[in-house]
Structure formats: structure tokens, C-alpha cells
Amino acid sequence: MVVTGLIQYYVFVVLFAIGFLLSAWALIDAVRRPARSYVSAEKRTKPFWVGIVAAGTLFGYLSIPQVNVFGFLVGFGLPVLIGLIAVLPGAIYLADVKPEVIRYTPRSPGSGSSGPTGRW
């Protein structure tokens, strides 16, 4: 029984860490996109998405169970339901908002793939 509980605990730690990393990725992407791209894509505003995703990232981080250096449980994070809900803003941003915002993000002149005769 102890081994099963330990395995379940580490599965939770890994899943919540993955959720936090997903939210952090969404937050970094939301910050680096220009504000006018959000408005052009009709996806609210940049401060709205940065705020929502930042809150989800914060709660995602706080929901990770705490483990010390030796791998022992030190404390539990926020309740599991809050940890699951915290992933939603980042997932929604990455699945729905990011593809549309990318379409309206201006590209720098040197970016993209270019062949021997110029841009493809």
C-alpha cells in the first residue's frame, strides 16, 4: 500500500509540473506577441490574456506538491481541482488564441526560410 501511494504521489507531482510548464510556455508566448495582433485577431486584448494566463501559471505553480531534495513529501499544494483549473487558461491560449494571433504578428525581414534564390 505504501508503494502504491508513493507512485500515485509522484504521478501527481509530474502531472502538475507538466501543467505548470504548459502554463509558463503560454505566458511567455503571450508576453512576446505584439498587442495589436490580439486586437487584429479579435481575441480580446494582450493585458487580458497575459493576466489570465499569469494567474493560471501562479495557481499551477502553487498546486504542485512540495518535495524536498531527498524526494520526500514536504507538503501538499493547493487542492487538486484548483490545479486542474489552473491549466485551462494556458491550454485555451495555446489551442485557440495563439494560432490566430500568429497570423497577425508581423514578421521581421530576416525571419523565415530562404533559399539560394531568396524567400521560398
PDB file of N, CA and C in Angstrom:
ATOM      1  N   MET A   1       0.812  -1.199   0.000  1.00  0.00           N
ATOM      2  CA  MET A   1       0.000   0.000   0.000  1.00  0.00           C
ATOM      3  C   MET A   1       0.851   1.257   0.000  1.00  0.00           C
ATOM      4  N   VAL A   2       1.979   1.220   0.704  1.00  0.00           N
ATOM      5  CA  VAL A   2       2.834   2.397   0.776  1.00  0.00           C
ATOM      6  C   VAL A   2       3.447   2.689  -0.587  1.00  0.00           C
ATOM      7  N   VAL A   3       3.855   1.638  -1.299  1.00  0.00           N
ATOM      8  CA  VAL A   3       4.474   1.813  -2.615  1.00  0.00           C
ATOM      9  C   VAL A   3       3.462   2.381  -3.599  1.00  0.00           C
ATOM     10  N   THR A   4       2.230   1.900  -3.565  1.00  0.00           N
ATOM     11  CA  THR A   4       1.195   2.402  -4.453  1.00  0.00           C
ATOM     12  C   THR A   4       0.924   3.872  -4.196  1.00  0.00           C
ATOM     13  N   GLY A   5       0.843   4.245  -2.949  1.00  0.00           N
ATOM     14  CA  GLY A   5       0.622   5.652  -2.607  1.00  0.00           C
ATOM     15  C   GLY A   5       1.774   6.531  -3.054  1.00  0.00           C
ATOM     16  N   LEU A   6       2.981   6.018  -2.950  1.00  0.00           N
ATOM     17  CA  LEU A   6       4.159   6.770  -3.374  1.00  0.00           C
ATOM     18  C   LEU A   6       4.166   6.957  -4.883  1.00  0.00           C
ATOM     19  N   ILE A   7       3.794   5.920  -5.606  1.00  0.00           N
ATOM     20  CA  ILE A   7       3.722   6.021  -7.070  1.00  0.00           C
ATOM     21  C   ILE A   7       2.666   7.036  -7.478  1.00  0.00           C
ATOM     22  N   GLN A   8       1.501   6.980  -6.846  1.00  0.00           N
ATOM     23  CA  GLN A   8       0.443   7.942  -7.144  1.00  0.00           C
ATOM     24  C   GLN A   8       0.899   9.365  -6.853  1.00  0.00           C
ATOM     25  N   TYR A   9       1.607   9.527  -5.767  1.00  0.00           N
ATOM     26  CA  TYR A   9       2.099  10.849  -5.397  1.00  0.00           C
ATOM     27  C   TYR A   9       3.037  11.391  -6.469  1.00  0.00           C
ATOM     28  N   TYR A  10       3.986  10.581  -6.917  1.00  0.00           N
ATOM     29  CA  TYR A  10       4.930  11.059  -7.925  1.00  0.00           C
ATOM     30  C   TYR A  10       4.257  11.296  -9.276  1.00  0.00           C
ATOM     31  N   VAL A  11       3.232  10.526  -9.589  1.00  0.00           N
ATOM     32  CA  VAL A  11       2.465  10.786 -10.808  1.00  0.00           C
ATOM     33  C   VAL A  11       1.798  12.159 -10.715  1.00  0.00           C
ATOM     34  N   PHE A  12       1.230  12.494  -9.547  1.00  0.00           N
ATOM     35  CA  PHE A  12       0.636  13.818  -9.354  1.00  0.00           C
ATOM     36  C   PHE A  12       1.674  14.918  -9.488  1.00  0.00           C
ATOM     37  N   VAL A  13       2.840  14.720  -8.905  1.00  0.00           N
ATOM     38  CA  VAL A  13       3.897  15.733  -8.993  1.00  0.00           C
ATOM     39  C   VAL A  13       4.271  15.976 -10.453  1.00  0.00           C
ATOM     40  N   VAL A  14       4.446  14.898 -11.210  1.00  0.00           N
ATOM     41  CA  VAL A  14       4.827  15.036 -12.620  1.00  0.00           C
ATOM     42  C   VAL A  14       3.716  15.706 -13.424  1.00  0.00           C
ATOM     43  N   LEU A  15       2.464  15.292 -13.221  1.00  0.00           N
ATOM     44  CA  LEU A  15       1.357  15.886 -13.971  1.00  0.00           C
ATOM     45  C   LEU A  15       1.192  17.371 -13.667  1.00  0.00           C
ATOM     46  N   PHE A  16       1.285  17.749 -12.399  1.00  0.00           N
ATOM     47  CA  PHE A  16       1.139  19.155 -12.058  1.00  0.00           C
ATOM     48  C   PHE A  16       2.337  19.971 -12.536  1.00  0.00           C
ATOM     49  N   ALA A  17       3.517  19.377 -12.554  1.00  0.00           N
ATOM     50  CA  ALA A  17       4.685  20.078 -13.092  1.00  0.00           C
ATOM     51  C   ALA A  17       4.535  20.305 -14.596  1.00  0.00           C
ATOM     52  N   ILE A  18       3.998  19.311 -15.301  1.00  0.00           N
ATOM     53  CA  ILE A  18       3.750  19.464 -16.734  1.00  0.00           C
ATOM     54  C   ILE A  18       2.710  20.561 -16.974  1.00  0.00           C
ATOM     55  N   GLY A  19       1.654  20.585 -16.166  1.00  0.00           N
ATOM     56  CA  GLY A  19       0.643  21.643 -16.282  1.00  0.00           C
ATOM     57  C   GLY A  19       1.227  23.022 -16.042  1.00  0.00           C
ATOM     58  N   PHE A  20       2.109  23.131 -15.056  1.00  0.00           N
ATOM     59  CA  PHE A  20       2.759  24.411 -14.784  1.00  0.00           C
ATOM     60  C   PHE A  20       3.640  24.821 -15.960  1.00  0.00           C
ATOM     61  N   LEU A  21       4.404  23.892 -16.512  1.00  0.00           N
ATOM     62  CA  LEU A  21       5.273  24.212 -17.642  1.00  0.00           C
ATOM     63  C   LEU A  21       4.467  24.623 -18.869  1.00  0.00           C
ATOM     64  N   LEU A  22       3.328  23.984 -19.091  1.00  0.00           N
ATOM     65  CA  LEU A  22       2.450  24.376 -20.187  1.00  0.00           C
ATOM     66  C   LEU A  22       1.957  25.805 -20.000  1.00  0.00           C
ATOM     67  N   SER A  23       1.549  26.140 -18.787  1.00  0.00           N
ATOM     68  CA  SER A  23       1.081  27.496 -18.499  1.00  0.00           C
ATOM     69  C   SER A  23       2.208  28.513 -18.633  1.00  0.00           C
ATOM     70  N   ALA A  24       3.407  28.142 -18.185  1.00  0.00           N
ATOM     71  CA  ALA A  24       4.549  29.052 -18.303  1.00  0.00           C
ATOM     72  C   ALA A  24       4.896  29.292 -19.771  1.00  0.00           C
ATOM     73  N   TRP A  25       4.820  28.252 -20.588  1.00  0.00           N
ATOM     74  CA  TRP A  25       5.069  28.396 -22.029  1.00  0.00           C
ATOM     75  C   TRP A  25       4.049  29.350 -22.648  1.00  0.00           C
ATOM     76  N   ALA A  26       2.781  29.189 -22.275  1.00  0.00           N
ATOM     77  CA  ALA A  26       1.737  30.068 -22.789  1.00  0.00           C
ATOM     78  C   ALA A  26       1.965  31.512 -22.335  1.00  0.00           C
ATOM     79  N   LEU A  27       2.383  31.699 -21.093  1.00  0.00           N
ATOM     80  CA  LEU A  27       2.637  33.045 -20.577  1.00  0.00           C
ATOM     81  C   LEU A  27       3.785  33.710 -21.327  1.00  0.00           C
ATOM     82  N   ILE A  28       4.859  33.000 -21.546  1.00  0.00           N
ATOM     83  CA  ILE A  28       5.999  33.561 -22.275  1.00  0.00           C
ATOM     84  C   ILE A  28       5.589  33.949 -23.692  1.00  0.00           C
ATOM     85  N   ASP A  29       4.803  33.091 -24.336  1.00  0.00           N
ATOM     86  CA  ASP A  29       4.356  33.400 -25.688  1.00  0.00           C
ATOM     87  C   ASP A  29       3.408  34.591 -25.704  1.00  0.00           C
ATOM     88  N   ALA A  30       2.517  34.658 -24.734  1.00  0.00           N
ATOM     89  CA  ALA A  30       1.555  35.773 -24.680  1.00  0.00           C
ATOM     90  C   ALA A  30       2.261  37.108 -24.473  1.00  0.00           C
ATOM     91  N   VAL A  31       3.325  37.109 -23.702  1.00  0.00           N
ATOM     92  CA  VAL A  31       4.052  38.352 -23.429  1.00  0.00           C
ATOM     93  C   VAL A  31       4.812  38.824 -24.659  1.00  0.00           C
ATOM     94  N   ARG A  32       5.343  37.920 -25.445  1.00  0.00           N
ATOM     95  CA  ARG A  32       6.186  38.342 -26.557  1.00  0.00           C
ATOM     96  C   ARG A  32       5.430  38.715 -27.825  1.00  0.00           C
ATOM     97  N   ARG A  33       4.149  38.454 -27.892  1.00  0.00           N
ATOM     98  CA  ARG A  33       3.355  38.845 -29.067  1.00  0.00           C
ATOM     99  C   ARG A  33       2.961  40.316 -28.964  1.00  0.00           C
ATOM    100  N   PRO A  34       2.933  41.048 -30.083  1.00  0.00           N
ATOM    101  CA  PRO A  34       2.541  42.465 -30.036  1.00  0.00           C
ATOM    102  C   PRO A  34       1.057  42.633 -29.711  1.00  0.00           C
ATOM    103  N   ALA A  35       0.750  43.723 -29.026  1.00  0.00           N
ATOM    104  CA  ALA A  35      -0.623  43.972 -28.570  1.00  0.00           C
ATOM    105  C   ALA A  35      -1.594  44.128 -29.735  1.00  0.00           C
ATOM    106  N   ARG A  36      -1.151  44.730 -30.814  1.00  0.00           N
ATOM    107  CA  ARG A  36      -2.076  44.955 -31.941  1.00  0.00           C
ATOM    108  C   ARG A  36      -2.481  43.645 -32.618  1.00  0.00           C
ATOM    109  N   SER A  37      -1.685  42.596 -32.465  1.00  0.00           N
ATOM    110  CA  SER A  37      -2.038  41.308 -33.068  1.00  0.00           C
ATOM    111  C   SER A  37      -3.261  40.689 -32.396  1.00  0.00           C
ATOM    112  N   TYR A  38      -3.408  40.906 -31.098  1.00  0.00           N
ATOM    113  CA  TYR A  38      -4.574  40.383 -30.373  1.00  0.00           C
ATOM    114  C   TYR A  38      -5.846  41.063 -30.859  1.00  0.00           C
ATOM    115  N   VAL A  39      -5.770  42.378 -31.020  1.00  0.00           N
ATOM    116  CA  VAL A  39      -6.941  43.137 -31.461  1.00  0.00           C
ATOM    117  C   VAL A  39      -7.281  42.785 -32.900  1.00  0.00           C
ATOM    118  N   SER A  40      -6.261  42.664 -33.753  1.00  0.00           N
ATOM    119  CA  SER A  40      -6.499  42.305 -35.154  1.00  0.00           C
ATOM    120  C   SER A  40      -7.118  40.918 -35.280  1.00  0.00           C
ATOM    121  N   ALA A  41      -6.725  40.006 -34.416  1.00  0.00           N
ATOM    122  CA  ALA A  41      -7.265  38.643 -34.444  1.00  0.00           C
ATOM    123  C   ALA A  41      -8.613  38.539 -33.738  1.00  0.00           C
ATOM    124  N   GLU A  42      -9.069  39.641 -33.158  1.00  0.00           N
ATOM    125  CA  GLU A  42     -10.335  39.694 -32.422  1.00  0.00           C
ATOM    126  C   GLU A  42     -10.361  38.684 -31.280  1.00  0.00           C
ATOM    127  N   LYS A  43      -9.279  38.663 -30.490  1.00  0.00           N
ATOM    128  CA  LYS A  43      -9.144  37.751 -29.353  1.00  0.00           C
ATOM    129  C   LYS A  43      -8.927  38.521 -28.054  1.00  0.00           C
ATOM    130  N   ARG A  44      -9.759  39.477 -27.765  1.00  0.00           N
ATOM    131  CA  ARG A  44      -9.637  40.343 -26.595  1.00  0.00           C
ATOM    132  C   ARG A  44      -8.372  41.180 -26.707  1.00  0.00           C
ATOM    133  N   THR A  45      -7.740  41.482 -25.554  1.00  0.00           N
ATOM    134  CA  THR A  45      -6.546  42.314 -25.575  1.00  0.00           C
ATOM    135  C   THR A  45      -5.368  41.570 -24.957  1.00  0.00           C
ATOM    136  N   LYS A  46      -4.179  42.089 -25.208  1.00  0.00           N
ATOM    137  CA  LYS A  46      -2.985  41.461 -24.658  1.00  0.00           C
ATOM    138  C   LYS A  46      -2.988  41.476 -23.134  1.00  0.00           C
ATOM    139  N   PRO A  47      -3.310  42.613 -22.462  1.00  0.00           N
ATOM    140  CA  PRO A  47      -3.332  42.580 -20.993  1.00  0.00           C
ATOM    141  C   PRO A  47      -4.318  41.557 -20.427  1.00  0.00           C
ATOM    142  N   PHE A  48      -5.436  41.354 -21.102  1.00  0.00           N
ATOM    143  CA  PHE A  48      -6.408  40.360 -20.651  1.00  0.00           C
ATOM    144  C   PHE A  48      -5.783  38.971 -20.656  1.00  0.00           C
ATOM    145  N   TRP A  49      -5.191  38.583 -21.785  1.00  0.00           N
ATOM    146  CA  TRP A  49      -4.629  37.236 -21.890  1.00  0.00           C
ATOM    147  C   TRP A  49      -3.402  37.050 -21.025  1.00  0.00           C
ATOM    148  N   VAL A  50      -2.555  38.069 -20.934  1.00  0.00           N
ATOM    149  CA  VAL A  50      -1.381  37.947 -20.074  1.00  0.00           C
ATOM    150  C   VAL A  50      -1.817  37.796 -18.619  1.00  0.00           C
ATOM    151  N   GLY A  51      -2.821  38.549 -18.198  1.00  0.00           N
ATOM    152  CA  GLY A  51      -3.313  38.454 -16.821  1.00  0.00           C
ATOM    153  C   GLY A  51      -3.935  37.110 -16.507  1.00  0.00           C
ATOM    154  N   ILE A  52      -4.778  36.622 -17.406  1.00  0.00           N
ATOM    155  CA  ILE A  52      -5.441  35.333 -17.193  1.00  0.00           C
ATOM    156  C   ILE A  52      -4.418  34.195 -17.162  1.00  0.00           C
ATOM    157  N   VAL A  53      -3.498  34.196 -18.112  1.00  0.00           N
ATOM    158  CA  VAL A  53      -2.512  33.120 -18.180  1.00  0.00           C
ATOM    159  C   VAL A  53      -1.524  33.225 -17.012  1.00  0.00           C
ATOM    160  N   ALA A  54      -1.184  34.452 -16.597  1.00  0.00           N
ATOM    161  CA  ALA A  54      -0.286  34.625 -15.443  1.00  0.00           C
ATOM    162  C   ALA A  54      -0.944  34.089 -14.166  1.00  0.00           C
ATOM    163  N   ALA A  55      -2.231  34.351 -13.993  1.00  0.00           N
ATOM    164  CA  ALA A  55      -2.939  33.823 -12.821  1.00  0.00           C
ATOM    165  C   ALA A  55      -2.975  32.293 -12.860  1.00  0.00           C
ATOM    166  N   GLY A  56      -3.232  31.730 -14.037  1.00  0.00           N
ATOM    167  CA  GLY A  56      -3.221  30.271 -14.169  1.00  0.00           C
ATOM    168  C   GLY A  56      -1.847  29.687 -13.885  1.00  0.00           C
ATOM    169  N   THR A  57      -0.802  30.381 -14.333  1.00  0.00           N
ATOM    170  CA  THR A  57       0.562  29.912 -14.077  1.00  0.00           C
ATOM    171  C   THR A  57       0.883  29.961 -12.588  1.00  0.00           C
ATOM    172  N   LEU A  58       0.486  31.031 -11.926  1.00  0.00           N
ATOM    173  CA  LEU A  58       0.723  31.154 -10.484  1.00  0.00           C
ATOM    174  C   LEU A  58       0.014  30.043  -9.717  1.00  0.00           C
ATOM    175  N   PHE A  59      -1.266  29.838 -10.009  1.00  0.00           N
ATOM    176  CA  PHE A  59      -2.004  28.787  -9.313  1.00  0.00           C
ATOM    177  C   PHE A  59      -1.500  27.402  -9.697  1.00  0.00           C
ATOM    178  N   GLY A  60      -1.034  27.232 -10.918  1.00  0.00           N
ATOM    179  CA  GLY A  60      -0.438  25.968 -11.320  1.00  0.00           C
ATOM    180  C   GLY A  60       0.829  25.677 -10.541  1.00  0.00           C
ATOM    181  N   TYR A  61       1.635  26.699 -10.327  1.00  0.00           N
ATOM    182  CA  TYR A  61       2.852  26.522  -9.533  1.00  0.00           C
ATOM    183  C   TYR A  61       2.519  26.193  -8.077  1.00  0.00           C
ATOM    184  N   LEU A  62       1.548  26.898  -7.518  1.00  0.00           N
ATOM    185  CA  LEU A  62       1.187  26.679  -6.120  1.00  0.00           C
ATOM    186  C   LEU A  62       0.516  25.328  -5.890  1.00  0.00           C
ATOM    187  N   SER A  63       0.005  24.712  -6.937  1.00  0.00           N
ATOM    188  CA  SER A  63      -0.678  23.429  -6.770  1.00  0.00           C
ATOM    189  C   SER A  63       0.272  22.234  -6.863  1.00  0.00           C
ATOM    190  N   ILE A  64       1.530  22.450  -7.238  1.00  0.00           N
ATOM    191  CA  ILE A  64       2.488  21.343  -7.306  1.00  0.00           C
ATOM    192  C   ILE A  64       2.805  20.892  -5.886  1.00  0.00           C
ATOM    193  N   PRO A  65       2.641  19.596  -5.582  1.00  0.00           N
ATOM    194  CA  PRO A  65       3.026  19.115  -4.247  1.00  0.00           C
ATOM    195  C   PRO A  65       4.513  19.348  -4.014  1.00  0.00           C
ATOM    196  N   GLN A  66       4.869  19.679  -2.796  1.00  0.00           N
ATOM    197  CA  GLN A  66       6.250  20.044  -2.476  1.00  0.00           C
ATOM    198  C   GLN A  66       7.044  18.816  -2.070  1.00  0.00           C
ATOM    199  N   VAL A  67       8.206  18.666  -2.702  1.00  0.00           N
ATOM    200  CA  VAL A  67       9.105  17.541  -2.436  1.00  0.00           C
ATOM    201  C   VAL A  67      10.452  18.128  -2.042  1.00  0.00           C
ATOM    202  N   ASN A  68      11.096  17.546  -1.037  1.00  0.00           N
ATOM    203  CA  ASN A  68      12.418  18.048  -0.661  1.00  0.00           C
ATOM    204  C   ASN A  68      13.498  17.399  -1.522  1.00  0.00           C
ATOM    205  N   VAL A  69      14.748  17.689  -1.236  1.00  0.00           N
ATOM    206  CA  VAL A  69      15.863  17.212  -2.038  1.00  0.00           C
ATOM    207  C   VAL A  69      15.945  15.690  -2.068  1.00  0.00           C
ATOM    208  N   PHE A  70      15.534  15.045  -1.013  1.00  0.00           N
ATOM    209  CA  PHE A  70      15.630  13.592  -0.924  1.00  0.00           C
ATOM    210  C   PHE A  70      14.416  12.880  -1.511  1.00  0.00           C
ATOM    211  N   GLY A  71      13.455  13.622  -2.056  1.00  0.00           N
ATOM    212  CA  GLY A  71      12.286  13.025  -2.681  1.00  0.00           C
ATOM    213  C   GLY A  71      11.152  12.720  -1.738  1.00  0.00           C
ATOM    214  N   PHE A  72      11.184  13.263  -0.529  1.00  0.00           N
ATOM    215  CA  PHE A  72      10.112  13.024   0.424  1.00  0.00           C
ATOM    216  C   PHE A  72       9.096  14.161   0.387  1.00  0.00           C
ATOM    217  N   LEU A  73       7.862  13.803   0.672  1.00  0.00           N
ATOM    218  CA  LEU A  73       6.787  14.784   0.686  1.00  0.00           C
ATOM    219  C   LEU A  73       6.988  15.766   1.820  1.00  0.00           C
ATOM    220  N   VAL A  74       7.000  17.042   1.478  1.00  0.00           N
ATOM    221  CA  VAL A  74       7.123  18.093   2.487  1.00  0.00           C
ATOM    222  C   VAL A  74       5.749  18.700   2.765  1.00  0.00           C
ATOM    223  N   GLY A  75       4.980  18.909   1.729  1.00  0.00           N
ATOM    224  CA  GLY A  75       3.655  19.490   1.895  1.00  0.00           C
ATOM    225  C   GLY A  75       2.874  19.389   0.603  1.00  0.00           C
ATOM    226  N   PHE A  76       1.584  19.474   0.728  1.00  0.00           N
ATOM    227  CA  PHE A  76       0.726  19.447  -0.441  1.00  0.00           C
ATOM    228  C   PHE A  76       0.525  20.856  -0.948  1.00  0.00           C
ATOM    229  N   GLY A  77       0.276  20.978  -2.222  1.00  0.00           N
ATOM    230  CA  GLY A  77      -0.034  22.268  -2.806  1.00  0.00           C
ATOM    231  C   GLY A  77      -1.500  22.585  -2.615  1.00  0.00           C
ATOM    232  N   LEU A  78      -2.016  23.410  -3.485  1.00  0.00           N
ATOM    233  CA  LEU A  78      -3.441  23.730  -3.466  1.00  0.00           C
ATOM    234  C   LEU A  78      -4.243  22.474  -3.799  1.00  0.00           C
ATOM    235  N   PRO A  79      -5.540  22.479  -3.547  1.00  0.00           N
ATOM    236  CA  PRO A  79      -6.354  21.299  -3.877  1.00  0.00           C
ATOM    237  C   PRO A  79      -6.243  20.912  -5.352  1.00  0.00           C
ATOM    238  N   VAL A  80      -6.465  19.655  -5.628  1.00  0.00           N
ATOM    239  CA  VAL A  80      -6.298  19.106  -6.971  1.00  0.00           C
ATOM    240  C   VAL A  80      -7.178  19.827  -7.989  1.00  0.00           C
ATOM    241  N   LEU A  81      -8.401  20.137  -7.628  1.00  0.00           N
ATOM    242  CA  LEU A  81      -9.309  20.794  -8.563  1.00  0.00           C
ATOM    243  C   LEU A  81      -8.772  22.150  -9.007  1.00  0.00           C
ATOM    244  N   ILE A  82      -8.180  22.902  -8.089  1.00  0.00           N
ATOM    245  CA  ILE A  82      -7.612  24.203  -8.452  1.00  0.00           C
ATOM    246  C   ILE A  82      -6.433  24.007  -9.400  1.00  0.00           C
ATOM    247  N   GLY A  83      -5.637  22.974  -9.166  1.00  0.00           N
ATOM    248  CA  GLY A  83      -4.522  22.682 -10.067  1.00  0.00           C
ATOM    249  C   GLY A  83      -4.983  22.325 -11.466  1.00  0.00           C
ATOM    250  N   LEU A  84      -6.080  21.602 -11.558  1.00  0.00           N
ATOM    251  CA  LEU A  84      -6.620  21.245 -12.872  1.00  0.00           C
ATOM    252  C   LEU A  84      -7.207  22.461 -13.581  1.00  0.00           C
ATOM    253  N   ILE A  85      -7.902  23.297 -12.841  1.00  0.00           N
ATOM    254  CA  ILE A  85      -8.488  24.502 -13.425  1.00  0.00           C
ATOM    255  C   ILE A  85      -7.397  25.492 -13.832  1.00  0.00           C
ATOM    256  N   ALA A  86      -6.284  25.502 -13.124  1.00  0.00           N
ATOM    257  CA  ALA A  86      -5.198  26.440 -13.413  1.00  0.00           C
ATOM    258  C   ALA A  86      -4.569  26.197 -14.780  1.00  0.00           C
ATOM    259  N   VAL A  87      -4.667  24.993 -15.300  1.00  0.00           N
ATOM    260  CA  VAL A  87      -4.084  24.670 -16.597  1.00  0.00           C
ATOM    261  C   VAL A  87      -4.944  25.197 -17.748  1.00  0.00           C
ATOM    262  N   LEU A  88      -6.224  25.407 -17.508  1.00  0.00           N
ATOM    263  CA  LEU A  88      -7.144  25.783 -18.581  1.00  0.00           C
ATOM    264  C   LEU A  88      -6.772  27.078 -19.312  1.00  0.00           C
ATOM    265  N   PRO A  89      -6.431  28.188 -18.628  1.00  0.00           N
ATOM    266  CA  PRO A  89      -6.107  29.400 -19.394  1.00  0.00           C
ATOM    267  C   PRO A  89      -4.932  29.202 -20.347  1.00  0.00           C
ATOM    268  N   GLY A  90      -3.897  28.514 -19.902  1.00  0.00           N
ATOM    269  CA  GLY A  90      -2.756  28.263 -20.774  1.00  0.00           C
ATOM    270  C   GLY A  90      -3.120  27.368 -21.947  1.00  0.00           C
ATOM    271  N   ALA A  91      -3.919  26.344 -21.689  1.00  0.00           N
ATOM    272  CA  ALA A  91      -4.336  25.437 -22.757  1.00  0.00           C
ATOM    273  C   ALA A  91      -5.233  26.147 -23.772  1.00  0.00           C
ATOM    274  N   ILE A  92      -6.149  26.973 -23.297  1.00  0.00           N
ATOM    275  CA  ILE A  92      -7.018  27.722 -24.200  1.00  0.00           C
ATOM    276  C   ILE A  92      -6.201  28.695 -25.029  1.00  0.00           C
ATOM    277  N   TYR A  93      -5.245  29.369 -24.384  1.00  0.00           N
ATOM    278  CA  TYR A  93      -4.403  30.311 -25.122  1.00  0.00           C
ATOM    279  C   TYR A  93      -3.632  29.584 -26.221  1.00  0.00           C
ATOM    280  N   LEU A  94      -2.992  28.464 -25.880  1.00  0.00           N
ATOM    281  CA  LEU A  94      -2.166  27.761 -26.863  1.00  0.00           C
ATOM    282  C   LEU A  94      -2.998  27.140 -27.984  1.00  0.00           C
ATOM    283  N   ALA A  95      -4.196  26.677 -27.681  1.00  0.00           N
ATOM    284  CA  ALA A  95      -5.007  25.988 -28.680  1.00  0.00           C
ATOM    285  C   ALA A  95      -5.843  26.929 -29.538  1.00  0.00           C
ATOM    286  N   ASP A  96      -6.314  28.039 -28.969  1.00  0.00           N
ATOM    287  CA  ASP A  96      -7.248  28.897 -29.691  1.00  0.00           C
ATOM    288  C   ASP A  96      -6.673  30.262 -30.028  1.00  0.00           C
ATOM    289  N   VAL A  97      -6.060  30.911 -29.070  1.00  0.00           N
ATOM    290  CA  VAL A  97      -5.632  32.296 -29.265  1.00  0.00           C
ATOM    291  C   VAL A  97      -4.317  32.383 -30.030  1.00  0.00           C
ATOM    292  N   LYS A  98      -3.335  31.597 -29.650  1.00  0.00           N
ATOM    293  CA  LYS A  98      -2.012  31.688 -30.269  1.00  0.00           C
ATOM    294  C   LYS A  98      -2.043  31.506 -31.785  1.00  0.00           C
ATOM    295  N   PRO A  99      -2.736  30.481 -32.334  1.00  0.00           N
ATOM    296  CA  PRO A  99      -2.744  30.349 -33.799  1.00  0.00           C
ATOM    297  C   PRO A  99      -3.320  31.566 -34.520  1.00  0.00           C
ATOM    298  N   GLU A 100      -4.324  32.181 -33.942  1.00  0.00           N
ATOM    299  CA  GLU A 100      -4.908  33.361 -34.576  1.00  0.00           C
ATOM    300  C   GLU A 100      -4.004  34.588 -34.442  1.00  0.00           C
ATOM    301  N   VAL A 101      -3.383  34.738 -33.291  1.00  0.00           N
ATOM    302  CA  VAL A 101      -2.503  35.892 -33.066  1.00  0.00           C
ATOM    303  C   VAL A 101      -1.266  35.794 -33.949  1.00  0.00           C
ATOM    304  N   ILE A 102      -0.774  34.589 -34.162  1.00  0.00           N
ATOM    305  CA  ILE A 102       0.402  34.410 -35.028  1.00  0.00           C
ATOM    306  C   ILE A 102       0.105  34.893 -36.446  1.00  0.00           C
ATOM    307  N   ARG A 103      -1.106  34.676 -36.914  1.00  0.00           N
ATOM    308  CA  ARG A 103      -1.468  35.121 -38.266  1.00  0.00           C
ATOM    309  C   ARG A 103      -1.344  36.622 -38.428  1.00  0.00           C
ATOM    310  N   TYR A 104      -1.526  37.383 -37.353  1.00  0.00           N
ATOM    311  CA  TYR A 104      -1.488  38.836 -37.420  1.00  0.00           C
ATOM    312  C   TYR A 104      -0.206  39.432 -36.839  1.00  0.00           C
ATOM    313  N   THR A 105       0.756  38.579 -36.493  1.00  0.00           N
ATOM    314  CA  THR A 105       2.027  39.057 -35.967  1.00  0.00           C
ATOM    315  C   THR A 105       2.952  39.372 -37.134  1.00  0.00           C
ATOM    316  N   PRO A 106       3.436  40.615 -37.229  1.00  0.00           N
ATOM    317  CA  PRO A 106       4.341  40.942 -38.331  1.00  0.00           C
ATOM    318  C   PRO A 106       5.669  40.201 -38.173  1.00  0.00           C
ATOM    319  N   ARG A 107       6.196  39.758 -39.289  1.00  0.00           N
ATOM    320  CA  ARG A 107       7.464  39.034 -39.275  1.00  0.00           C
ATOM    321  C   ARG A 107       8.605  40.002 -39.544  1.00  0.00           C
ATOM    322  N   SER A 108       9.733  39.711 -38.910  1.00  0.00           N
ATOM    323  CA  SER A 108      10.911  40.539 -39.157  1.00  0.00           C
ATOM    324  C   SER A 108      11.485  40.182 -40.527  1.00  0.00           C
ATOM    325  N   PRO A 109      12.207  41.099 -41.167  1.00  0.00           N
ATOM    326  CA  PRO A 109      12.700  40.849 -42.520  1.00  0.00           C
ATOM    327  C   PRO A 109      13.623  39.639 -42.633  1.00  0.00           C
ATOM    328  N   GLY A 110      14.390  39.336 -41.618  1.00  0.00           N
ATOM    329  CA  GLY A 110      15.342  38.235 -41.693  1.00  0.00           C
ATOM    330  C   GLY A 110      14.773  36.894 -41.296  1.00  0.00           C
ATOM    331  N   SER A 111      13.519  36.846 -40.840  1.00  0.00           N
ATOM    332  CA  SER A 111      12.964  35.575 -40.367  1.00  0.00           C
ATOM    333  C   SER A 111      12.376  34.775 -41.513  1.00  0.00           C
ATOM    334  N   GLY A 112      12.130  33.536 -41.253  1.00  0.00           N
ATOM    335  CA  GLY A 112      11.536  32.673 -42.257  1.00  0.00           C
ATOM    336  C   GLY A 112      12.582  31.876 -42.993  1.00  0.00           C
ATOM    337  N   SER A 113      12.127  31.001 -43.866  1.00  0.00           N
ATOM    338  CA  SER A 113      13.064  30.190 -44.616  1.00  0.00           C
ATOM    339  C   SER A 113      13.381  30.877 -45.934  1.00  0.00           C
ATOM    340  N   SER A 114      14.617  30.899 -46.264  1.00  0.00           N
ATOM    341  CA  SER A 114      15.006  31.481 -47.538  1.00  0.00           C
ATOM    342  C   SER A 114      15.927  30.503 -48.248  1.00  0.00           C
ATOM    343  N   GLY A 115      15.770  30.418 -49.515  1.00  0.00           N
ATOM    344  CA  GLY A 115      16.576  29.506 -50.321  1.00  0.00           C
ATOM    345  C   GLY A 115      17.708  30.253 -51.003  1.00  0.00           C
ATOM    346  N   PRO A 116      18.382  29.597 -51.912  1.00  0.00           N
ATOM    347  CA  PRO A 116      19.519  30.218 -52.590  1.00  0.00           C
ATOM    348  C   PRO A 116      19.114  31.383 -53.480  1.00  0.00           C
ATOM    349  N   THR A 117      17.848  31.405 -53.923  1.00  0.00           N
ATOM    350  CA  THR A 117      17.413  32.499 -54.791  1.00  0.00           C
ATOM    351  C   THR A 117      16.503  33.485 -54.069  1.00  0.00           C
ATOM    352  N   GLY A 118      16.426  33.412 -52.755  1.00  0.00           N
ATOM    353  CA  GLY A 118      15.578  34.316 -51.985  1.00  0.00           C
ATOM    354  C   GLY A 118      14.572  33.551 -51.155  1.00  0.00           C
ATOM    355  N   ARG A 119      13.499  34.251 -50.795  1.00  0.00           N
ATOM    356  CA  ARG A 119      12.472  33.616 -49.966  1.00  0.00           C
ATOM    357  C   ARG A 119      11.702  32.584 -50.749  1.00  0.00           C
ATOM    358  N   TRP A 120      11.295  31.526 -50.107  1.00  0.00           N
ATOM    359  CA  TRP A 120      10.515  30.475 -50.761  1.00  0.00           C
ATOM    360  C   TRP A 120       9.112  30.925 -50.938  1.00  0.00           C
TER     361      TRP A 120
END
